[in-house]
Amino acid sequence: MSEIIDQIKQQIESNDVLIYMKGNPNQPQCGFSARTVAALMECGKRFAYVDVLSNPDVRANLPAYANWPTFPQLWVKGELVGGCDIVTEMAESGELQKVIDAAVPDEA
């Protein structure tokens, strides 16, 4: 059990922008993941993802670790930003772009 929590912590700490989602960015396996990843892609920055469908241990343990019951989950700089509704609202207001730009430096 603690091994999977350590793995989750390591994933979150080693990626500036990380989405835990169902499927992958090119083939999301649920509408919420699709909408969230589309908002992220519009920001035009690199991000990491973990497919919780192919990682059942992460899927089972992340909600308790994050204190957030659903997927997708967007993490930026080690902080949980939120799920689909929050990320979509942030994208519409322009706030998501600012958060992602601050977390991911422009690539030279």
Protein backbone atom coordinates (compact mmCIF):
# COMPACT_ATOMS: atom_id res chain seq x y z
CA MET A 1 0.00 0.00 0.00
CA SER A 2 2.68 2.54 0.97
CA GLU A 3 4.60 1.62 -2.20
CA ILE A 4 1.75 2.86 -4.37
CA ILE A 5 1.47 6.08 -2.34
CA ASP A 6 5.22 6.61 -2.79
CA GLN A 7 4.77 6.02 -6.53
CA ILE A 8 1.94 8.59 -6.68
CA LYS A 9 4.02 11.14 -4.72
CA GLN A 10 6.97 10.56 -7.05
CA GLN A 11 4.77 11.02 -10.15
CA ILE A 12 3.34 14.27 -8.78
CA GLU A 13 6.71 15.63 -7.65
CA SER A 14 8.57 14.80 -10.85
CA ASN A 15 6.08 16.38 -13.29
CA ASP A 16 5.26 20.09 -13.33
CA VAL A 17 1.91 19.37 -14.95
CA LEU A 18 0.32 15.95 -14.51
CA ILE A 19 -3.15 14.67 -15.30
CA TYR A 20 -4.51 11.43 -13.91
CA MET A 21 -7.12 10.41 -16.45
CA LYS A 22 -9.01 7.52 -17.97
CA GLY A 23 -7.22 6.63 -21.19
CA ASN A 24 -4.55 8.80 -22.77
CA PRO A 25 -4.57 12.30 -24.29
CA ASN A 26 -5.08 10.92 -27.81
CA GLN A 27 -7.76 8.42 -26.77
CA PRO A 28 -9.55 9.53 -23.60
CA GLN A 29 -11.84 6.82 -22.23
CA CYS A 30 -14.43 9.14 -20.67
CA GLY A 31 -16.01 12.49 -21.48
CA PHE A 32 -14.65 14.20 -18.38
CA SER A 33 -11.09 13.15 -19.22
CA ALA A 34 -11.63 14.24 -22.84
CA ARG A 35 -12.79 17.73 -21.84
CA THR A 36 -10.04 18.19 -19.28
CA VAL A 37 -7.25 17.06 -21.59
CA ALA A 38 -8.62 19.26 -24.41
CA ALA A 39 -8.44 22.29 -22.11
CA LEU A 40 -4.87 21.34 -21.16
CA MET A 41 -3.82 20.84 -24.78
CA GLU A 42 -5.13 24.30 -25.67
CA CYS A 43 -2.54 25.75 -23.30
CA GLY A 44 0.12 24.50 -25.71
CA LYS A 45 2.52 23.19 -23.09
CA ARG A 46 3.99 19.82 -22.38
CA PHE A 47 2.29 17.74 -19.69
CA ALA A 48 2.48 14.22 -18.31
CA TYR A 49 -0.38 11.81 -17.82
CA VAL A 50 -1.16 8.60 -16.00
CA ASP A 51 -3.89 6.32 -17.34
CA VAL A 52 -5.73 5.15 -14.22
CA LEU A 53 -7.46 2.38 -16.21
CA SER A 54 -4.14 0.65 -16.86
CA ASN A 55 -2.90 1.47 -13.33
CA PRO A 56 -5.60 0.03 -11.03
CA ASP A 57 -3.48 0.52 -7.89
CA VAL A 58 -3.18 4.24 -8.64
CA ARG A 59 -6.89 4.39 -9.45
CA ALA A 60 -7.73 2.75 -6.12
CA ASN A 61 -5.39 4.82 -3.93
CA LEU A 62 -5.14 8.27 -5.50
CA PRO A 63 -8.63 9.48 -4.43
CA ALA A 64 -7.75 8.94 -0.76
CA TYR A 65 -4.29 10.47 -1.16
CA ALA A 66 -5.67 13.51 -3.00
CA ASN A 67 -8.86 13.74 -0.95
CA TRP A 68 -10.59 14.04 -4.34
CA PRO A 69 -12.95 11.19 -5.26
CA THR A 70 -13.08 11.36 -9.06
CA PHE A 71 -10.97 11.38 -12.21
CA PRO A 72 -9.54 13.19 -14.01
CA GLN A 73 -7.29 15.01 -11.57
CA LEU A 74 -4.99 17.81 -12.70
CA TRP A 75 -1.88 18.43 -10.61
CA VAL A 76 0.38 21.46 -11.17
CA LYS A 77 3.66 21.89 -9.29
CA GLY A 78 2.63 19.31 -6.70
CA GLU A 79 -0.77 20.88 -6.00
CA LEU A 80 -4.13 19.41 -6.91
CA VAL A 81 -5.88 21.92 -9.18
CA GLY A 82 -9.07 19.89 -9.52
CA GLY A 83 -11.18 17.88 -11.88
CA CYS A 84 -13.09 18.46 -15.09
CA ASP A 85 -15.46 21.22 -13.93
CA ILE A 86 -12.75 23.28 -12.25
CA VAL A 87 -10.28 22.89 -15.12
CA THR A 88 -12.95 23.73 -17.73
CA GLU A 89 -13.99 26.86 -15.83
CA MET A 90 -10.35 27.91 -15.44
CA ALA A 91 -9.79 27.39 -19.18
CA GLU A 92 -12.81 29.54 -20.04
CA SER A 93 -11.65 32.38 -17.76
CA GLY A 94 -8.05 32.24 -19.01
CA GLU A 95 -6.76 31.27 -15.57
CA LEU A 96 -5.65 27.78 -16.65
CA GLN A 97 -3.31 29.27 -19.28
CA LYS A 98 -1.69 31.48 -16.61
CA VAL A 99 -1.25 28.56 -14.19
CA ILE A 100 0.23 26.30 -16.88
CA ASP A 101 2.50 29.05 -18.27
CA ALA A 102 3.82 29.73 -14.76
CA ALA A 103 4.48 26.02 -14.15
CA VAL A 104 6.06 25.14 -17.50
CA PRO A 105 8.86 27.35 -18.78
CA ASP A 106 8.93 28.13 -22.47
CA GLU A 107 11.05 25.57 -24.25
CA ALA A 108 14.06 27.05 -26.02
